[in-house]
Amino acid sequence: MSDLVEKVGERIRQLRKEKGLSQERLAECSGLHTNYIGQVERGEKNLTLETLEKIVAGLDVSLEELFRFLGPMERTDALGEIVRLLSERSKADHAMALKVLETVLDWERNKNNR
């Protein structure tokens, strides 16, 4: 299968384990067969959108959270914490945090150029 299918399967396994679910329990919550969940996690099955919706519901996560691993860069623990904190805030708070971060980074860059 494709690299994407394998990555999605790995991500489903990761989220399932983070939630403390067995493959059997995820299958029950998703209305799917346990063997199918195993095949998905191993990247052996190409999911339909309908099946993906069932698995996301069974994991109690959003599609955004499922596909978060596809970002353009690897997230460090600190970056993940920043994203988590900002996800709970308003757009105005996002803009303010961005300005603060830009100011700090500019100050650091200028300090190093002296």
N, C-alpha and C. Protein backbone atom coordinates (compact mmCIF):
# COMPACT_ATOMS: atom_id res chain seq x y z
N MET A 1 0.83 -1.19 0.00
CA MET A 1 0.00 0.00 0.00
C MET A 1 0.87 1.25 0.00
N SER A 2 0.23 2.37 -0.16
CA SER A 2 0.96 3.64 -0.24
C SER A 2 1.48 4.07 1.13
N ASP A 3 2.43 4.97 1.08
CA ASP A 3 3.00 5.51 2.31
C ASP A 3 1.94 6.21 3.15
N LEU A 4 1.02 6.91 2.50
CA LEU A 4 -0.04 7.61 3.21
C LEU A 4 -0.94 6.63 3.95
N VAL A 5 -1.30 5.53 3.31
CA VAL A 5 -2.15 4.53 3.95
C VAL A 5 -1.46 3.98 5.19
N GLU A 6 -0.16 3.74 5.08
CA GLU A 6 0.59 3.23 6.22
C GLU A 6 0.67 4.27 7.34
N LYS A 7 0.88 5.52 6.98
CA LYS A 7 0.97 6.58 8.00
C LYS A 7 -0.36 6.78 8.71
N VAL A 8 -1.46 6.72 7.96
CA VAL A 8 -2.77 6.85 8.57
C VAL A 8 -3.00 5.68 9.53
N GLY A 9 -2.64 4.49 9.10
CA GLY A 9 -2.78 3.33 9.97
C GLY A 9 -1.97 3.45 11.25
N GLU A 10 -0.74 3.93 11.11
CA GLU A 10 0.12 4.13 12.28
C GLU A 10 -0.48 5.17 13.22
N ARG A 11 -1.05 6.23 12.62
CA ARG A 11 -1.66 7.29 13.44
C ARG A 11 -2.88 6.77 14.17
N ILE A 12 -3.68 5.95 13.51
CA ILE A 12 -4.85 5.36 14.17
C ILE A 12 -4.39 4.49 15.34
N ARG A 13 -3.36 3.68 15.12
CA ARG A 13 -2.82 2.85 16.21
C ARG A 13 -2.34 3.73 17.37
N GLN A 14 -1.61 4.80 17.04
CA GLN A 14 -1.10 5.70 18.07
C GLN A 14 -2.23 6.30 18.90
N LEU A 15 -3.25 6.82 18.22
CA LEU A 15 -4.37 7.43 18.93
C LEU A 15 -5.13 6.39 19.75
N ARG A 16 -5.30 5.20 19.20
CA ARG A 16 -6.00 4.13 19.92
C ARG A 16 -5.27 3.81 21.22
N LYS A 17 -3.95 3.68 21.14
CA LYS A 17 -3.16 3.36 22.33
C LYS A 17 -3.18 4.51 23.33
N GLU A 18 -3.10 5.75 22.82
CA GLU A 18 -3.17 6.91 23.72
C GLU A 18 -4.48 6.94 24.49
N LYS A 19 -5.53 6.48 23.85
CA LYS A 19 -6.86 6.46 24.48
C LYS A 19 -7.06 5.21 25.35
N GLY A 20 -6.08 4.32 25.34
CA GLY A 20 -6.17 3.10 26.15
C GLY A 20 -7.17 2.09 25.62
N LEU A 21 -7.39 2.11 24.30
CA LEU A 21 -8.36 1.20 23.69
C LEU A 21 -7.65 0.00 23.07
N SER A 22 -8.26 -1.15 23.17
CA SER A 22 -7.79 -2.33 22.44
C SER A 22 -8.34 -2.25 21.02
N GLN A 23 -7.80 -3.06 20.14
CA GLN A 23 -8.37 -3.12 18.78
C GLN A 23 -9.81 -3.59 18.86
N GLU A 24 -10.09 -4.51 19.76
CA GLU A 24 -11.46 -5.02 19.91
C GLU A 24 -12.42 -3.92 20.32
N ARG A 25 -12.00 -3.10 21.29
CA ARG A 25 -12.87 -2.02 21.77
C ARG A 25 -13.07 -0.96 20.69
N LEU A 26 -12.01 -0.61 19.97
CA LEU A 26 -12.15 0.36 18.88
C LEU A 26 -13.10 -0.19 17.82
N ALA A 27 -12.97 -1.48 17.52
CA ALA A 27 -13.86 -2.10 16.54
C ALA A 27 -15.32 -1.99 16.99
N GLU A 28 -15.57 -2.26 18.26
CA GLU A 28 -16.94 -2.15 18.80
C GLU A 28 -17.45 -0.72 18.69
N CYS A 29 -16.62 0.23 19.09
CA CYS A 29 -17.03 1.65 19.07
C CYS A 29 -17.22 2.17 17.65
N SER A 30 -16.53 1.56 16.70
CA SER A 30 -16.58 2.01 15.31
C SER A 30 -17.58 1.23 14.47
N GLY A 31 -18.09 0.14 15.00
CA GLY A 31 -19.00 -0.70 14.23
C GLY A 31 -18.27 -1.47 13.13
N LEU A 32 -17.01 -1.80 13.38
CA LEU A 32 -16.20 -2.52 12.40
C LEU A 32 -15.69 -3.82 13.02
N HIS A 33 -15.12 -4.68 12.20
CA HIS A 33 -14.57 -5.95 12.68
C HIS A 33 -13.15 -5.73 13.20
N THR A 34 -12.80 -6.47 14.24
CA THR A 34 -11.47 -6.36 14.84
C THR A 34 -10.36 -6.61 13.82
N ASN A 35 -10.54 -7.62 12.97
CA ASN A 35 -9.52 -7.91 11.95
C ASN A 35 -9.32 -6.73 11.01
N TYR A 36 -10.40 -6.05 10.71
CA TYR A 36 -10.32 -4.89 9.82
C TYR A 36 -9.49 -3.78 10.46
N ILE A 37 -9.72 -3.54 11.75
CA ILE A 37 -8.94 -2.51 12.47
C ILE A 37 -7.46 -2.86 12.39
N GLY A 38 -7.11 -4.11 12.61
CA GLY A 38 -5.72 -4.54 12.53
C GLY A 38 -5.12 -4.32 11.15
N GLN A 39 -5.90 -4.62 10.12
CA GLN A 39 -5.43 -4.42 8.75
C GLN A 39 -5.22 -2.93 8.45
N VAL A 40 -6.11 -2.11 8.96
CA VAL A 40 -5.97 -0.66 8.77
C VAL A 40 -4.71 -0.16 9.46
N GLU A 41 -4.51 -0.59 10.70
CA GLU A 41 -3.34 -0.12 11.45
C GLU A 41 -2.03 -0.58 10.82
N ARG A 42 -2.04 -1.71 10.15
CA ARG A 42 -0.83 -2.20 9.48
C ARG A 42 -0.66 -1.63 8.08
N GLY A 43 -1.61 -0.80 7.65
CA GLY A 43 -1.53 -0.19 6.33
C GLY A 43 -1.90 -1.15 5.21
N GLU A 44 -2.65 -2.18 5.53
CA GLU A 44 -3.04 -3.18 4.54
C GLU A 44 -4.37 -2.88 3.87
N LYS A 45 -5.13 -1.96 4.44
CA LYS A 45 -6.44 -1.59 3.89
C LYS A 45 -6.47 -0.12 3.55
N ASN A 46 -7.00 0.20 2.40
CA ASN A 46 -7.21 1.57 1.99
C ASN A 46 -8.61 1.97 2.43
N LEU A 47 -8.70 2.91 3.34
CA LEU A 47 -9.97 3.30 3.95
C LEU A 47 -10.87 4.08 3.02
N THR A 48 -12.15 3.85 3.14
CA THR A 48 -13.13 4.73 2.50
C THR A 48 -13.39 5.89 3.46
N LEU A 49 -13.96 6.96 2.96
CA LEU A 49 -14.30 8.08 3.83
C LEU A 49 -15.31 7.67 4.89
N GLU A 50 -16.24 6.81 4.51
CA GLU A 50 -17.25 6.33 5.46
C GLU A 50 -16.60 5.57 6.61
N THR A 51 -15.66 4.70 6.28
CA THR A 51 -14.97 3.93 7.31
C THR A 51 -14.10 4.84 8.17
N LEU A 52 -13.46 5.80 7.54
CA LEU A 52 -12.64 6.75 8.28
C LEU A 52 -13.50 7.51 9.29
N GLU A 53 -14.68 7.91 8.89
CA GLU A 53 -15.60 8.60 9.81
C GLU A 53 -15.95 7.71 11.00
N LYS A 54 -16.16 6.44 10.75
CA LYS A 54 -16.49 5.51 11.83
C LYS A 54 -15.32 5.37 12.81
N ILE A 55 -14.13 5.27 12.29
CA ILE A 55 -12.95 5.11 13.16
C ILE A 55 -12.71 6.38 13.96
N VAL A 56 -12.85 7.54 13.33
CA VAL A 56 -12.68 8.81 14.03
C VAL A 56 -13.71 8.92 15.16
N ALA A 57 -14.94 8.51 14.88
CA ALA A 57 -15.98 8.54 15.91
C ALA A 57 -15.63 7.56 17.04
N GLY A 58 -15.14 6.38 16.68
CA GLY A 58 -14.76 5.39 17.68
C GLY A 58 -13.62 5.85 18.55
N LEU A 59 -12.71 6.61 17.98
CA LEU A 59 -11.57 7.16 18.73
C LEU A 59 -11.95 8.43 19.49
N ASP A 60 -13.10 9.01 19.13
CA ASP A 60 -13.56 10.27 19.71
C ASP A 60 -12.52 11.37 19.48
N VAL A 61 -12.08 11.48 18.21
CA VAL A 61 -11.16 12.54 17.80
C VAL A 61 -11.73 13.21 16.55
N SER A 62 -11.20 14.36 16.23
CA SER A 62 -11.61 15.05 15.00
C SER A 62 -10.75 14.56 13.84
N LEU A 63 -11.22 14.79 12.62
CA LEU A 63 -10.39 14.47 11.46
C LEU A 63 -9.11 15.28 11.49
N GLU A 64 -9.20 16.51 11.95
CA GLU A 64 -8.00 17.36 12.06
C GLU A 64 -6.97 16.70 12.97
N GLU A 65 -7.42 16.18 14.10
CA GLU A 65 -6.48 15.53 15.02
C GLU A 65 -5.89 14.27 14.40
N LEU A 66 -6.70 13.53 13.68
CA LEU A 66 -6.20 12.31 13.04
C LEU A 66 -5.09 12.64 12.05
N PHE A 67 -5.28 13.69 11.27
CA PHE A 67 -4.32 14.03 10.22
C PHE A 67 -3.27 15.05 10.65
N ARG A 68 -3.22 15.36 11.92
CA ARG A 68 -2.27 16.35 12.41
C ARG A 68 -0.82 15.97 12.10
N PHE A 69 -0.53 14.69 12.00
CA PHE A 69 0.83 14.23 11.72
C PHE A 69 1.32 14.61 10.33
N LEU A 70 0.44 15.05 9.46
CA LEU A 70 0.81 15.38 8.08
C LEU A 70 1.37 16.79 7.93
N GLY A 71 1.56 17.49 9.03
CA GLY A 71 2.09 18.85 8.96
C GLY A 71 3.43 18.90 8.27
N PRO A 72 3.85 20.08 7.85
CA PRO A 72 5.08 20.22 7.09
C PRO A 72 6.35 19.98 7.89
N MET A 73 6.22 19.89 9.23
CA MET A 73 7.41 19.66 10.04
C MET A 73 7.06 18.76 11.20
N GLU A 74 8.06 18.14 11.75
CA GLU A 74 7.87 17.33 12.94
C GLU A 74 7.62 18.25 14.12
N ARG A 75 6.71 17.89 14.96
CA ARG A 75 6.42 18.70 16.12
C ARG A 75 7.24 18.21 17.30
N THR A 76 7.88 19.14 17.96
CA THR A 76 8.57 18.81 19.20
C THR A 76 7.53 18.82 20.31
N ASP A 77 7.91 18.35 21.47
CA ASP A 77 7.00 18.39 22.61
C ASP A 77 6.57 19.82 22.91
N ALA A 78 7.53 20.75 22.86
CA ALA A 78 7.22 22.14 23.16
C ALA A 78 6.26 22.71 22.13
N LEU A 79 6.50 22.41 20.87
CA LEU A 79 5.61 22.92 19.83
C LEU A 79 4.21 22.32 19.97
N GLY A 80 4.16 21.05 20.29
CA GLY A 80 2.86 20.41 20.51
C GLY A 80 2.11 21.06 21.66
N GLU A 81 2.83 21.43 22.71
CA GLU A 81 2.20 22.09 23.85
C GLU A 81 1.71 23.48 23.47
N ILE A 82 2.47 24.19 22.67
CA ILE A 82 2.05 25.51 22.20
C ILE A 82 0.76 25.37 21.38
N VAL A 83 0.74 24.41 20.48
CA VAL A 83 -0.46 24.19 19.66
C VAL A 83 -1.65 23.84 20.55
N ARG A 84 -1.42 22.97 21.52
CA ARG A 84 -2.51 22.59 22.42
C ARG A 84 -3.06 23.79 23.18
N LEU A 85 -2.16 24.61 23.71
CA LEU A 85 -2.59 25.79 24.45
C LEU A 85 -3.36 26.77 23.57
N LEU A 86 -2.86 27.00 22.37
CA LEU A 86 -3.52 27.94 21.47
C LEU A 86 -4.84 27.41 20.92
N SER A 87 -4.97 26.10 20.83
CA SER A 87 -6.21 25.53 20.29
C SER A 87 -7.40 25.83 21.18
N GLU A 88 -7.13 26.14 22.42
CA GLU A 88 -8.20 26.44 23.39
C GLU A 88 -8.50 27.93 23.48
N ARG A 89 -7.82 28.74 22.66
CA ARG A 89 -7.94 30.19 22.77
C ARG A 89 -8.66 30.77 21.55
N SER A 90 -9.00 32.04 21.65
CA SER A 90 -9.70 32.74 20.57
C SER A 90 -8.74 33.16 19.46
N LYS A 91 -9.30 33.57 18.33
CA LYS A 91 -8.47 34.06 17.22
C LYS A 91 -7.70 35.32 17.63
N ALA A 92 -8.31 36.14 18.45
CA ALA A 92 -7.62 37.34 18.93
C ALA A 92 -6.41 36.95 19.76
N ASP A 93 -6.56 35.93 20.58
CA ASP A 93 -5.42 35.45 21.38
C ASP A 93 -4.35 34.86 20.48
N HIS A 94 -4.74 34.19 19.40
CA HIS A 94 -3.76 33.65 18.45
C HIS A 94 -2.93 34.78 17.86
N ALA A 95 -3.62 35.85 17.45
CA ALA A 95 -2.92 36.99 16.85
C ALA A 95 -1.97 37.63 17.85
N MET A 96 -2.42 37.78 19.10
CA MET A 96 -1.57 38.37 20.12
C MET A 96 -0.35 37.48 20.39
N ALA A 97 -0.55 36.17 20.47
CA ALA A 97 0.56 35.24 20.71
C ALA A 97 1.57 35.29 19.56
N LEU A 98 1.07 35.42 18.35
CA LEU A 98 1.95 35.51 17.19
C LEU A 98 2.81 36.78 17.27
N LYS A 99 2.18 37.90 17.62
CA LYS A 99 2.94 39.16 17.74
C LYS A 99 4.00 39.05 18.83
N VAL A 100 3.65 38.44 19.95
CA VAL A 100 4.61 38.28 21.05
C VAL A 100 5.77 37.40 20.59
N LEU A 101 5.46 36.30 19.94
CA LEU A 101 6.50 35.40 19.47
C LEU A 101 7.40 36.07 18.45
N GLU A 102 6.82 36.80 17.50
CA GLU A 102 7.63 37.52 16.51
C GLU A 102 8.55 38.53 17.18
N THR A 103 8.04 39.24 18.19
CA THR A 103 8.84 40.24 18.91
C THR A 103 10.01 39.57 19.63
N VAL A 104 9.73 38.46 20.30
CA VAL A 104 10.80 37.75 21.02
C VAL A 104 11.84 37.22 20.04
N LEU A 105 11.41 36.66 18.93
CA LEU A 105 12.36 36.12 17.95
C LEU A 105 13.18 37.23 17.29
N ASP A 106 12.55 38.37 17.01
CA ASP A 106 13.29 39.52 16.46
C ASP A 106 14.32 40.01 17.46
N TRP A 107 13.93 40.11 18.73
CA TRP A 107 14.86 40.55 19.77
C TRP A 107 16.04 39.58 19.87
N GLU A 108 15.76 38.28 19.84
CA GLU A 108 16.81 37.27 19.92
C GLU A 108 17.75 37.36 18.72
N ARG A 109 17.19 37.53 17.53
CA ARG A 109 17.99 37.64 16.31
C ARG A 109 18.88 38.88 16.37
N ASN A 110 18.32 40.00 16.81
CA ASN A 110 19.10 41.24 16.92
C ASN A 110 20.19 41.12 17.98
N LYS A 111 19.89 40.46 19.07
CA LYS A 111 20.87 40.26 20.15
C LYS A 111 22.05 39.44 19.64
N ASN A 112 21.78 38.43 18.83
CA ASN A 112 22.84 37.57 18.31
C ASN A 112 23.66 38.23 17.20
N ASN A 113 23.11 39.27 16.57
CA ASN A 113 23.81 39.97 15.49
C ASN A 113 24.70 41.09 16.00
N ARG A 114 24.73 41.30 17.29
CA ARG A 114 25.55 42.39 17.85
C ARG A 114 26.97 41.98 17.98
